[in-house]
Amino acid sequence: MFISSAFANGTATSGFDNYMQFLPMVAVFALFWFLMIRPQQKKMKEHQTMLAAIAKGDEVVTQGGIAGRVSNVGDNFLTIEIAQGVEIKVQKAAVTARLEKGSLKSL
């Protein structure tokens, strides 16, 4: 009696209203992209360029906290001298940071 038959049947919504229902989901996805995914991709790209630039004689730190000087560079592995005459072989991806020259002497 007070509700028209168009609203009662649910046929009064326009195409624009249907698209407006997806706007909050698109906004949340955009926010998620700029706050989480994009910075992670940027950090990963910087790490890849750092790994590609590692050369013999560089001082590095691994994920396990082992600091040493690179004595040999391979495609996937590095040989790191952690003490005089003590060398270990680690994956390149395990290197987290490249240190400044002479940093090992101060440790």
PDB file of N, CA and C in Angstrom:
ATOM      1  N   MET A   1       0.814  -1.177   0.000  1.00  0.00           N
ATOM      2  CA  MET A   1       0.000   0.000   0.000  1.00  0.00           C
ATOM      3  C   MET A   1       0.869   1.256   0.000  1.00  0.00           C
ATOM      4  N   PHE A   2       1.880   1.342   0.916  1.00  0.00           N
ATOM      5  CA  PHE A   2       2.760   2.516   0.932  1.00  0.00           C
ATOM      6  C   PHE A   2       3.991   2.327   0.041  1.00  0.00           C
ATOM      7  N   ILE A   3       4.321   1.089  -0.312  1.00  0.00           N
ATOM      8  CA  ILE A   3       5.493   0.809  -1.137  1.00  0.00           C
ATOM      9  C   ILE A   3       5.021   0.558  -2.557  1.00  0.00           C
ATOM     10  N   SER A   4       5.655   1.227  -3.492  1.00  0.00           N
ATOM     11  CA  SER A   4       5.247   1.022  -4.877  1.00  0.00           C
ATOM     12  C   SER A   4       5.648  -0.382  -5.318  1.00  0.00           C
ATOM     13  N   SER A   5       5.027  -0.869  -6.343  1.00  0.00           N
ATOM     14  CA  SER A   5       5.283  -2.235  -6.792  1.00  0.00           C
ATOM     15  C   SER A   5       6.686  -2.373  -7.378  1.00  0.00           C
ATOM     16  N   ALA A   6       7.268  -1.308  -7.894  1.00  0.00           N
ATOM     17  CA  ALA A   6       8.628  -1.372  -8.444  1.00  0.00           C
ATOM     18  C   ALA A   6       9.642  -1.633  -7.351  1.00  0.00           C
ATOM     19  N   PHE A   7       9.527  -0.993  -6.201  1.00  0.00           N
ATOM     20  CA  PHE A   7      10.438  -1.221  -5.095  1.00  0.00           C
ATOM     21  C   PHE A   7      10.185  -2.571  -4.459  1.00  0.00           C
ATOM     22  N   ALA A   8       8.963  -3.012  -4.413  1.00  0.00           N
ATOM     23  CA  ALA A   8       8.636  -4.296  -3.822  1.00  0.00           C
ATOM     24  C   ALA A   8       9.224  -5.437  -4.636  1.00  0.00           C
ATOM     25  N   ASN A   9       9.284  -5.293  -5.939  1.00  0.00           N
ATOM     26  CA  ASN A   9       9.840  -6.331  -6.804  1.00  0.00           C
ATOM     27  C   ASN A   9      11.364  -6.262  -6.872  1.00  0.00           C
ATOM     28  N   GLY A  10      11.952  -5.172  -6.434  1.00  0.00           N
ATOM     29  CA  GLY A  10      13.402  -5.014  -6.484  1.00  0.00           C
ATOM     30  C   GLY A  10      13.906  -4.637  -7.856  1.00  0.00           C
ATOM     31  N   THR A  11      13.076  -4.087  -8.696  1.00  0.00           N
ATOM     32  CA  THR A  11      13.482  -3.733 -10.059  1.00  0.00           C
ATOM     33  C   THR A  11      13.809  -2.256 -10.200  1.00  0.00           C
ATOM     34  N   ALA A  12      13.841  -1.510  -9.128  1.00  0.00           N
ATOM     35  CA  ALA A  12      14.056  -0.076  -9.222  1.00  0.00           C
ATOM     36  C   ALA A  12      15.533   0.304  -9.201  1.00  0.00           C
ATOM     37  N   THR A  13      16.446  -0.639  -9.025  1.00  0.00           N
ATOM     38  CA  THR A  13      17.868  -0.300  -8.995  1.00  0.00           C
ATOM     39  C   THR A  13      18.377  -0.071 -10.403  1.00  0.00           C
ATOM     40  N   SER A  14      19.206   0.909 -10.540  1.00  0.00           N
ATOM     41  CA  SER A  14      19.773   1.223 -11.854  1.00  0.00           C
ATOM     42  C   SER A  14      21.123   0.534 -12.012  1.00  0.00           C
ATOM     43  N   GLY A  15      21.679   0.571 -13.193  1.00  0.00           N
ATOM     44  CA  GLY A  15      22.988  -0.012 -13.449  1.00  0.00           C
ATOM     45  C   GLY A  15      24.075   0.697 -12.679  1.00  0.00           C
ATOM     46  N   PHE A  16      23.928   1.989 -12.463  1.00  0.00           N
ATOM     47  CA  PHE A  16      24.902   2.770 -11.724  1.00  0.00           C
ATOM     48  C   PHE A  16      24.984   2.303 -10.273  1.00  0.00           C
ATOM     49  N   ASP A  17      23.835   1.986  -9.681  1.00  0.00           N
ATOM     50  CA  ASP A  17      23.822   1.505  -8.292  1.00  0.00           C
ATOM     51  C   ASP A  17      24.550   0.175  -8.165  1.00  0.00           C
ATOM     52  N   ASN A  18      24.435  -0.651  -9.165  1.00  0.00           N
ATOM     53  CA  ASN A  18      25.138  -1.936  -9.129  1.00  0.00           C
ATOM     54  C   ASN A  18      26.651  -1.745  -9.133  1.00  0.00           C
ATOM     55  N   TYR A  19      27.135  -0.790  -9.913  1.00  0.00           N
ATOM     56  CA  TYR A  19      28.567  -0.517  -9.941  1.00  0.00           C
ATOM     57  C   TYR A  19      29.043   0.148  -8.654  1.00  0.00           C
ATOM     58  N   MET A  20      28.207   0.929  -8.037  1.00  0.00           N
ATOM     59  CA  MET A  20      28.574   1.602  -6.781  1.00  0.00           C
ATOM     60  C   MET A  20      28.774   0.603  -5.651  1.00  0.00           C
ATOM     61  N   GLN A  21      28.184  -0.575  -5.748  1.00  0.00           N
ATOM     62  CA  GLN A  21      28.368  -1.589  -4.721  1.00  0.00           C
ATOM     63  C   GLN A  21      29.798  -2.134  -4.738  1.00  0.00           C
ATOM     64  N   PHE A  22      30.453  -2.103  -5.883  1.00  0.00           N
ATOM     65  CA  PHE A  22      31.818  -2.618  -6.003  1.00  0.00           C
ATOM     66  C   PHE A  22      32.876  -1.567  -5.691  1.00  0.00           C
ATOM     67  N   LEU A  23      32.489  -0.314  -5.595  1.00  0.00           N
ATOM     68  CA  LEU A  23      33.443   0.759  -5.329  1.00  0.00           C
ATOM     69  C   LEU A  23      34.204   0.566  -4.011  1.00  0.00           C
ATOM     70  N   PRO A  24      33.573   0.197  -2.899  1.00  0.00           N
ATOM     71  CA  PRO A  24      34.354  -0.028  -1.670  1.00  0.00           C
ATOM     72  C   PRO A  24      35.368  -1.166  -1.805  1.00  0.00           C
ATOM     73  N   MET A  25      35.015  -2.225  -2.525  1.00  0.00           N
ATOM     74  CA  MET A  25      35.962  -3.325  -2.712  1.00  0.00           C
ATOM     75  C   MET A  25      37.158  -2.883  -3.545  1.00  0.00           C
ATOM     76  N   VAL A  26      36.922  -2.072  -4.557  1.00  0.00           N
ATOM     77  CA  VAL A  26      38.010  -1.558  -5.388  1.00  0.00           C
ATOM     78  C   VAL A  26      38.906  -0.630  -4.563  1.00  0.00           C
ATOM     79  N   ALA A  27      38.297   0.188  -3.721  1.00  0.00           N
ATOM     80  CA  ALA A  27      39.075   1.098  -2.870  1.00  0.00           C
ATOM     81  C   ALA A  27      39.935   0.322  -1.874  1.00  0.00           C
ATOM     82  N   VAL A  28      39.403  -0.735  -1.295  1.00  0.00           N
ATOM     83  CA  VAL A  28      40.175  -1.547  -0.347  1.00  0.00           C
ATOM     84  C   VAL A  28      41.328  -2.233  -1.069  1.00  0.00           C
ATOM     85  N   PHE A  29      41.072  -2.746  -2.266  1.00  0.00           N
ATOM     86  CA  PHE A  29      42.146  -3.386  -3.028  1.00  0.00           C
ATOM     87  C   PHE A  29      43.245  -2.381  -3.370  1.00  0.00           C
ATOM     88  N   ALA A  30      42.868  -1.178  -3.784  1.00  0.00           N
ATOM     89  CA  ALA A  30      43.864  -0.149  -4.113  1.00  0.00           C
ATOM     90  C   ALA A  30      44.685   0.219  -2.883  1.00  0.00           C
ATOM     91  N   LEU A  31      44.047   0.358  -1.747  1.00  0.00           N
ATOM     92  CA  LEU A  31      44.752   0.658  -0.500  1.00  0.00           C
ATOM     93  C   LEU A  31      45.694  -0.482  -0.131  1.00  0.00           C
ATOM     94  N   PHE A  32      45.217  -1.699  -0.251  1.00  0.00           N
ATOM     95  CA  PHE A  32      46.036  -2.878   0.029  1.00  0.00           C
ATOM     96  C   PHE A  32      47.254  -2.903  -0.886  1.00  0.00           C
ATOM     97  N   TRP A  33      47.059  -2.582  -2.164  1.00  0.00           N
ATOM     98  CA  TRP A  33      48.153  -2.581  -3.134  1.00  0.00           C
ATOM     99  C   TRP A  33      49.226  -1.574  -2.759  1.00  0.00           C
ATOM    100  N   PHE A  34      48.828  -0.339  -2.454  1.00  0.00           N
ATOM    101  CA  PHE A  34      49.812   0.709  -2.184  1.00  0.00           C
ATOM    102  C   PHE A  34      50.456   0.605  -0.814  1.00  0.00           C
ATOM    103  N   LEU A  35      49.802  -0.034   0.137  1.00  0.00           N
ATOM    104  CA  LEU A  35      50.384  -0.132   1.470  1.00  0.00           C
ATOM    105  C   LEU A  35      51.148  -1.421   1.722  1.00  0.00           C
ATOM    106  N   MET A  36      50.831  -2.491   0.981  1.00  0.00           N
ATOM    107  CA  MET A  36      51.488  -3.765   1.272  1.00  0.00           C
ATOM    108  C   MET A  36      52.238  -4.363   0.083  1.00  0.00           C
ATOM    109  N   ILE A  37      51.598  -4.498  -1.034  1.00  0.00           N
ATOM    110  CA  ILE A  37      52.200  -5.217  -2.152  1.00  0.00           C
ATOM    111  C   ILE A  37      53.297  -4.402  -2.821  1.00  0.00           C
ATOM    112  N   ARG A  38      53.033  -3.152  -3.122  1.00  0.00           N
ATOM    113  CA  ARG A  38      54.015  -2.309  -3.837  1.00  0.00           C
ATOM    114  C   ARG A  38      55.314  -2.123  -3.045  1.00  0.00           C
ATOM    115  N   PRO A  39      55.278  -1.798  -1.748  1.00  0.00           N
ATOM    116  CA  PRO A  39      56.552  -1.678  -1.014  1.00  0.00           C
ATOM    117  C   PRO A  39      57.331  -2.985  -0.950  1.00  0.00           C
ATOM    118  N   GLN A  40      56.623  -4.116  -0.844  1.00  0.00           N
ATOM    119  CA  GLN A  40      57.300  -5.400  -0.808  1.00  0.00           C
ATOM    120  C   GLN A  40      57.993  -5.693  -2.135  1.00  0.00           C
ATOM    121  N   GLN A  41      57.351  -5.373  -3.248  1.00  0.00           N
ATOM    122  CA  GLN A  41      57.966  -5.568  -4.555  1.00  0.00           C
ATOM    123  C   GLN A  41      59.189  -4.670  -4.726  1.00  0.00           C
ATOM    124  N   LYS A  42      59.102  -3.445  -4.225  1.00  0.00           N
ATOM    125  CA  LYS A  42      60.232  -2.510  -4.317  1.00  0.00           C
ATOM    126  C   LYS A  42      61.413  -3.031  -3.499  1.00  0.00           C
ATOM    127  N   LYS A  43      61.135  -3.530  -2.310  1.00  0.00           N
ATOM    128  CA  LYS A  43      62.189  -4.066  -1.449  1.00  0.00           C
ATOM    129  C   LYS A  43      62.833  -5.298  -2.088  1.00  0.00           C
ATOM    130  N   MET A  44      62.025  -6.155  -2.698  1.00  0.00           N
ATOM    131  CA  MET A  44      62.544  -7.348  -3.348  1.00  0.00           C
ATOM    132  C   MET A  44      63.420  -6.979  -4.550  1.00  0.00           C
ATOM    133  N   LYS A  45      63.027  -5.963  -5.290  1.00  0.00           N
ATOM    134  CA  LYS A  45      63.809  -5.527  -6.444  1.00  0.00           C
ATOM    135  C   LYS A  45      65.163  -4.960  -5.997  1.00  0.00           C
ATOM    136  N   GLU A  46      65.178  -4.191  -4.920  1.00  0.00           N
ATOM    137  CA  GLU A  46      66.429  -3.648  -4.386  1.00  0.00           C
ATOM    138  C   GLU A  46      67.351  -4.780  -3.922  1.00  0.00           C
ATOM    139  N   HIS A  47      66.780  -5.816  -3.305  1.00  0.00           N
ATOM    140  CA  HIS A  47      67.569  -6.954  -2.846  1.00  0.00           C
ATOM    141  C   HIS A  47      68.183  -7.694  -4.037  1.00  0.00           C
ATOM    142  N   GLN A  48      67.422  -7.865  -5.107  1.00  0.00           N
ATOM    143  CA  GLN A  48      67.923  -8.544  -6.298  1.00  0.00           C
ATOM    144  C   GLN A  48      69.075  -7.753  -6.936  1.00  0.00           C
ATOM    145  N   THR A  49      68.966  -6.437  -6.994  1.00  0.00           N
ATOM    146  CA  THR A  49      70.054  -5.638  -7.565  1.00  0.00           C
ATOM    147  C   THR A  49      71.286  -5.679  -6.674  1.00  0.00           C
ATOM    148  N   MET A  50      71.085  -5.729  -5.349  1.00  0.00           N
ATOM    149  CA  MET A  50      72.212  -5.842  -4.422  1.00  0.00           C
ATOM    150  C   MET A  50      72.920  -7.176  -4.616  1.00  0.00           C
ATOM    151  N   LEU A  51      72.152  -8.260  -4.777  1.00  0.00           N
ATOM    152  CA  LEU A  51      72.756  -9.574  -4.976  1.00  0.00           C
ATOM    153  C   LEU A  51      73.514  -9.646  -6.300  1.00  0.00           C
ATOM    154  N   ALA A  52      72.988  -9.011  -7.323  1.00  0.00           N
ATOM    155  CA  ALA A  52      73.651  -9.028  -8.626  1.00  0.00           C
ATOM    156  C   ALA A  52      74.957  -8.233  -8.602  1.00  0.00           C
ATOM    157  N   ALA A  53      75.071  -7.274  -7.703  1.00  0.00           N
ATOM    158  CA  ALA A  53      76.257  -6.419  -7.641  1.00  0.00           C
ATOM    159  C   ALA A  53      77.346  -6.961  -6.718  1.00  0.00           C
ATOM    160  N   ILE A  54      77.109  -8.080  -6.044  1.00  0.00           N
ATOM    161  CA  ILE A  54      78.113  -8.631  -5.125  1.00  0.00           C
ATOM    162  C   ILE A  54      79.306  -9.143  -5.928  1.00  0.00           C
ATOM    163  N   ALA A  55      80.484  -8.756  -5.482  1.00  0.00           N
ATOM    164  CA  ALA A  55      81.725  -9.164  -6.155  1.00  0.00           C
ATOM    165  C   ALA A  55      82.717  -9.686  -5.112  1.00  0.00           C
ATOM    166  N   LYS A  56      83.771 -10.285  -5.602  1.00  0.00           N
ATOM    167  CA  LYS A  56      84.820 -10.807  -4.730  1.00  0.00           C
ATOM    168  C   LYS A  56      85.424  -9.655  -3.921  1.00  0.00           C
ATOM    169  N   GLY A  57      85.576  -9.876  -2.614  1.00  0.00           N
ATOM    170  CA  GLY A  57      86.144  -8.860  -1.742  1.00  0.00           C
ATOM    171  C   GLY A  57      85.102  -8.052  -0.980  1.00  0.00           C
ATOM    172  N   ASP A  58      83.834  -8.158  -1.358  1.00  0.00           N
ATOM    173  CA  ASP A  58      82.778  -7.443  -0.636  1.00  0.00           C
ATOM    174  C   ASP A  58      82.551  -8.089   0.723  1.00  0.00           C
ATOM    175  N   GLU A  59      82.160  -7.271   1.678  1.00  0.00           N
ATOM    176  CA  GLU A  59      81.834  -7.764   3.014  1.00  0.00           C
ATOM    177  C   GLU A  59      80.321  -7.836   3.132  1.00  0.00           C
ATOM    178  N   VAL A  60      79.810  -9.004   3.562  1.00  0.00           N
ATOM    179  CA  VAL A  60      78.371  -9.251   3.583  1.00  0.00           C
ATOM    180  C   VAL A  60      77.946  -9.858   4.913  1.00  0.00           C
ATOM    181  N   VAL A  61      76.628  -9.813   5.142  1.00  0.00           N
ATOM    182  CA  VAL A  61      76.011 -10.454   6.300  1.00  0.00           C
ATOM    183  C   VAL A  61      74.914 -11.363   5.773  1.00  0.00           C
ATOM    184  N   THR A  62      74.848 -12.587   6.291  1.00  0.00           N
ATOM    185  CA  THR A  62      73.824 -13.539   5.872  1.00  0.00           C
ATOM    186  C   THR A  62      72.598 -13.428   6.767  1.00  0.00           C
ATOM    187  N   GLN A  63      71.543 -14.150   6.392  1.00  0.00           N
ATOM    188  CA  GLN A  63      70.322 -14.151   7.191  1.00  0.00           C
ATOM    189  C   GLN A  63      70.558 -14.715   8.586  1.00  0.00           C
ATOM    190  N   GLY A  64      71.513 -15.610   8.715  1.00  0.00           N
ATOM    191  CA  GLY A  64      71.827 -16.192  10.016  1.00  0.00           C
ATOM    192  C   GLY A  64      72.697 -15.301  10.877  1.00  0.00           C
ATOM    193  N   GLY A  65      73.115 -14.162  10.358  1.00  0.00           N
ATOM    194  CA  GLY A  65      73.929 -13.225  11.129  1.00  0.00           C
ATOM    195  C   GLY A  65      75.420 -13.437  10.966  1.00  0.00           C
ATOM    196  N   ILE A  66      75.829 -14.281  10.037  1.00  0.00           N
ATOM    197  CA  ILE A  66      77.254 -14.534   9.807  1.00  0.00           C
ATOM    198  C   ILE A  66      77.814 -13.438   8.907  1.00  0.00           C
ATOM    199  N   ALA A  67      78.871 -12.795   9.389  1.00  0.00           N
ATOM    200  CA  ALA A  67      79.519 -11.740   8.617  1.00  0.00           C
ATOM    201  C   ALA A  67      80.832 -12.260   8.070  1.00  0.00           C
ATOM    202  N   GLY A  68      81.127 -11.902   6.833  1.00  0.00           N
ATOM    203  CA  GLY A  68      82.372 -12.356   6.236  1.00  0.00           C
ATOM    204  C   GLY A  68      82.664 -11.632   4.944  1.00  0.00           C
ATOM    205  N   ARG A  69      83.792 -12.011   4.332  1.00  0.00           N
ATOM    206  CA  ARG A  69      84.239 -11.408   3.081  1.00  0.00           C
ATOM    207  C   ARG A  69      84.051 -12.430   1.966  1.00  0.00           C
ATOM    208  N   VAL A  70      83.491 -11.991   0.854  1.00  0.00           N
ATOM    209  CA  VAL A  70      83.227 -12.876  -0.282  1.00  0.00           C
ATOM    210  C   VAL A  70      84.559 -13.238  -0.939  1.00  0.00           C
ATOM    211  N   SER A  71      84.821 -14.553  -1.058  1.00  0.00           N
ATOM    212  CA  SER A  71      86.062 -14.989  -1.686  1.00  0.00           C
ATOM    213  C   SER A  71      85.822 -15.605  -3.064  1.00  0.00           C
ATOM    214  N   ASN A  72      84.582 -16.010  -3.359  1.00  0.00           N
ATOM    215  CA  ASN A  72      84.266 -16.564  -4.665  1.00  0.00           C
ATOM    216  C   ASN A  72      82.783 -16.340  -4.948  1.00  0.00           C
ATOM    217  N   VAL A  73      82.464 -15.961  -6.183  1.00  0.00           N
ATOM    218  CA  VAL A  73      81.082 -15.721  -6.566  1.00  0.00           C
ATOM    219  C   VAL A  73      80.704 -16.682  -7.686  1.00  0.00           C
ATOM    220  N   GLY A  74      79.625 -17.438  -7.456  1.00  0.00           N
ATOM    221  CA  GLY A  74      79.099 -18.332  -8.482  1.00  0.00           C
ATOM    222  C   GLY A  74      77.744 -17.829  -8.935  1.00  0.00           C
ATOM    223  N   ASP A  75      77.063 -18.656  -9.716  1.00  0.00           N
ATOM    224  CA  ASP A  75      75.744 -18.260 -10.192  1.00  0.00           C
ATOM    225  C   ASP A  75      74.723 -18.223  -9.061  1.00  0.00           C
ATOM    226  N   ASN A  76      74.703 -19.274  -8.240  1.00  0.00           N
ATOM    227  CA  ASN A  76      73.711 -19.364  -7.162  1.00  0.00           C
ATOM    228  C   ASN A  76      74.330 -19.365  -5.770  1.00  0.00           C
ATOM    229  N   PHE A  77      75.638 -19.588  -5.683  1.00  0.00           N
ATOM    230  CA  PHE A  77      76.284 -19.697  -4.386  1.00  0.00           C
ATOM    231  C   PHE A  77      77.452 -18.735  -4.270  1.00  0.00           C
ATOM    232  N   LEU A  78      77.754 -18.361  -3.027  1.00  0.00           N
ATOM    233  CA  LEU A  78      78.913 -17.529  -2.703  1.00  0.00           C
ATOM    234  C   LEU A  78      79.785 -18.298  -1.721  1.00  0.00           C
ATOM    235  N   THR A  79      81.072 -18.090  -1.804  1.00  0.00           N
ATOM    236  CA  THR A  79      81.974 -18.608  -0.792  1.00  0.00           C
ATOM    237  C   THR A  79      82.393 -17.414   0.052  1.00  0.00           C
ATOM    238  N   ILE A  80      82.131 -17.527   1.353  1.00  0.00           N
ATOM    239  CA  ILE A  80      82.403 -16.423   2.274  1.00  0.00           C
ATOM    240  C   ILE A  80      83.465 -16.858   3.268  1.00  0.00           C
ATOM    241  N   GLU A  81      84.483 -16.030   3.402  1.00  0.00           N
ATOM    242  CA  GLU A  81      85.525 -16.288   4.396  1.00  0.00           C
ATOM    243  C   GLU A  81      85.106 -15.597   5.694  1.00  0.00           C
ATOM    244  N   ILE A  82      84.813 -16.406   6.720  1.00  0.00           N
ATOM    245  CA  ILE A  82      84.326 -15.847   7.982  1.00  0.00           C
ATOM    246  C   ILE A  82      85.447 -15.658   8.994  1.00  0.00           C
ATOM    247  N   ALA A  83      86.555 -16.348   8.790  1.00  0.00           N
ATOM    248  CA  ALA A  83      87.762 -16.179   9.594  1.00  0.00           C
ATOM    249  C   ALA A  83      88.928 -16.572   8.697  1.00  0.00           C
ATOM    250  N   GLN A  84      90.138 -16.294   9.134  1.00  0.00           N
ATOM    251  CA  GLN A  84      91.286 -16.599   8.302  1.00  0.00           C
ATOM    252  C   GLN A  84      91.377 -18.112   8.091  1.00  0.00           C
ATOM    253  N   GLY A  85      91.231 -18.517   6.838  1.00  0.00           N
ATOM    254  CA  GLY A  85      91.313 -19.940   6.488  1.00  0.00           C
ATOM    255  C   GLY A  85      89.998 -20.700   6.656  1.00  0.00           C
ATOM    256  N   VAL A  86      88.934 -20.039   7.102  1.00  0.00           N
ATOM    257  CA  VAL A  86      87.635 -20.694   7.284  1.00  0.00           C
ATOM    258  C   VAL A  86      86.661 -20.114   6.272  1.00  0.00           C
ATOM    259  N   GLU A  87      86.226 -20.969   5.344  1.00  0.00           N
ATOM    260  CA  GLU A  87      85.298 -20.524   4.315  1.00  0.00           C
ATOM    261  C   GLU A  87      84.034 -21.362   4.354  1.00  0.00           C
ATOM    262  N   ILE A  88      82.907 -20.719   4.093  1.00  0.00           N
ATOM    263  CA  ILE A  88      81.631 -21.419   3.997  1.00  0.00           C
ATOM    264  C   ILE A  88      80.987 -21.063   2.672  1.00  0.00           C
ATOM    265  N   LYS A  89      80.148 -21.961   2.220  1.00  0.00           N
ATOM    266  CA  LYS A  89      79.442 -21.729   0.963  1.00  0.00           C
ATOM    267  C   LYS A  89      77.974 -21.514   1.304  1.00  0.00           C
ATOM    268  N   VAL A  90      77.406 -20.397   0.831  1.00  0.00           N
ATOM    269  CA  VAL A  90      76.003 -20.059   1.102  1.00  0.00           C
ATOM    270  C   VAL A  90      75.316 -19.691  -0.207  1.00  0.00           C
ATOM    271  N   GLN A  91      74.002 -19.793  -0.204  1.00  0.00           N
ATOM    272  CA  GLN A  91      73.239 -19.351  -1.358  1.00  0.00           C
ATOM    273  C   GLN A  91      73.276 -17.830  -1.422  1.00  0.00           C
ATOM    274  N   LYS A  92      73.212 -17.307  -2.630  1.00  0.00           N
ATOM    275  CA  LYS A  92      73.205 -15.853  -2.790  1.00  0.00           C
ATOM    276  C   LYS A  92      72.001 -15.225  -2.092  1.00  0.00           C
ATOM    277  N   ALA A  93      70.864 -15.905  -2.157  1.00  0.00           N
ATOM    278  CA  ALA A  93      69.640 -15.361  -1.565  1.00  0.00           C
ATOM    279  C   ALA A  93      69.737 -15.240  -0.048  1.00  0.00           C
ATOM    280  N   ALA A  94      70.689 -15.930   0.582  1.00  0.00           N
ATOM    281  CA  ALA A  94      70.843 -15.867   2.031  1.00  0.00           C
ATOM    282  C   ALA A  94      71.554 -14.595   2.488  1.00  0.00           C
ATOM    283  N   VAL A  95      72.132 -13.852   1.559  1.00  0.00           N
ATOM    284  CA  VAL A  95      72.817 -12.604   1.912  1.00  0.00           C
ATOM    285  C   VAL A  95      71.774 -11.514   2.088  1.00  0.00           C
ATOM    286  N   THR A  96      71.790 -10.873   3.255  1.00  0.00           N
ATOM    287  CA  THR A  96      70.800  -9.832   3.533  1.00  0.00           C
ATOM    288  C   THR A  96      71.345  -8.426   3.366  1.00  0.00           C
ATOM    289  N   ALA A  97      72.645  -8.246   3.573  1.00  0.00           N
ATOM    290  CA  ALA A  97      73.186  -6.886   3.492  1.00  0.00           C
ATOM    291  C   ALA A  97      74.639  -6.920   3.032  1.00  0.00           C
ATOM    292  N   ARG A  98      75.012  -5.865   2.369  1.00  0.00           N
ATOM    293  CA  ARG A  98      76.398  -5.639   1.993  1.00  0.00           C
ATOM    294  C   ARG A  98      76.944  -4.571   2.917  1.00  0.00           C
ATOM    295  N   LEU A  99      78.074  -4.841   3.539  1.00  0.00           N
ATOM    296  CA  LEU A  99      78.670  -3.914   4.499  1.00  0.00           C
ATOM    297  C   LEU A  99      79.659  -2.989   3.807  1.00  0.00           C
ATOM    298  N   GLU A 100      79.949  -1.885   4.474  1.00  0.00           N
ATOM    299  CA  GLU A 100      80.975  -0.955   3.991  1.00  0.00           C
ATOM    300  C   GLU A 100      82.346  -1.611   4.138  1.00  0.00           C
ATOM    301  N   LYS A 101      83.274  -1.231   3.291  1.00  0.00           N
ATOM    302  CA  LYS A 101      84.631  -1.773   3.365  1.00  0.00           C
ATOM    303  C   LYS A 101      85.231  -1.443   4.735  1.00  0.00           C
ATOM    304  N   GLY A 102      85.853  -2.441   5.341  1.00  0.00           N
ATOM    305  CA  GLY A 102      86.490  -2.271   6.636  1.00  0.00           C
ATOM    306  C   GLY A 102      85.547  -2.487   7.813  1.00  0.00           C
ATOM    307  N   SER A 103      84.323  -2.852   7.577  1.00  0.00           N
ATOM    308  CA  SER A 103      83.367  -3.069   8.668  1.00  0.00           C
ATOM    309  C   SER A 103      83.708  -4.307   9.487  1.00  0.00           C
ATOM    310  N   LEU A 104      84.304  -5.307   8.861  1.00  0.00           N
ATOM    311  CA  LEU A 104      84.627  -6.531   9.580  1.00  0.00           C
ATOM    312  C   LEU A 104      85.706  -6.306  10.638  1.00  0.00           C
ATOM    313  N   LYS A 105      86.613  -5.370  10.392  1.00  0.00           N
ATOM    314  CA  LYS A 105      87.674  -5.115  11.360  1.00  0.00           C
ATOM    315  C   LYS A 105      87.123  -4.479  12.628  1.00  0.00           C
ATOM    316  N   SER A 106      86.010  -3.774  12.506  1.00  0.00           N
ATOM    317  CA  SER A 106      85.447  -3.121  13.690  1.00  0.00           C
ATOM    318  C   SER A 106      84.563  -4.051  14.500  1.00  0.00           C
ATOM    319  N   LEU A 107      84.257  -5.227  13.969  1.00  0.00           N
ATOM    320  CA  LEU A 107      83.402  -6.184  14.689  1.00  0.00           C
ATOM    321  C   LEU A 107      84.161  -6.968  15.693  1.00  0.00           C
TER     322      LEU A 107
END
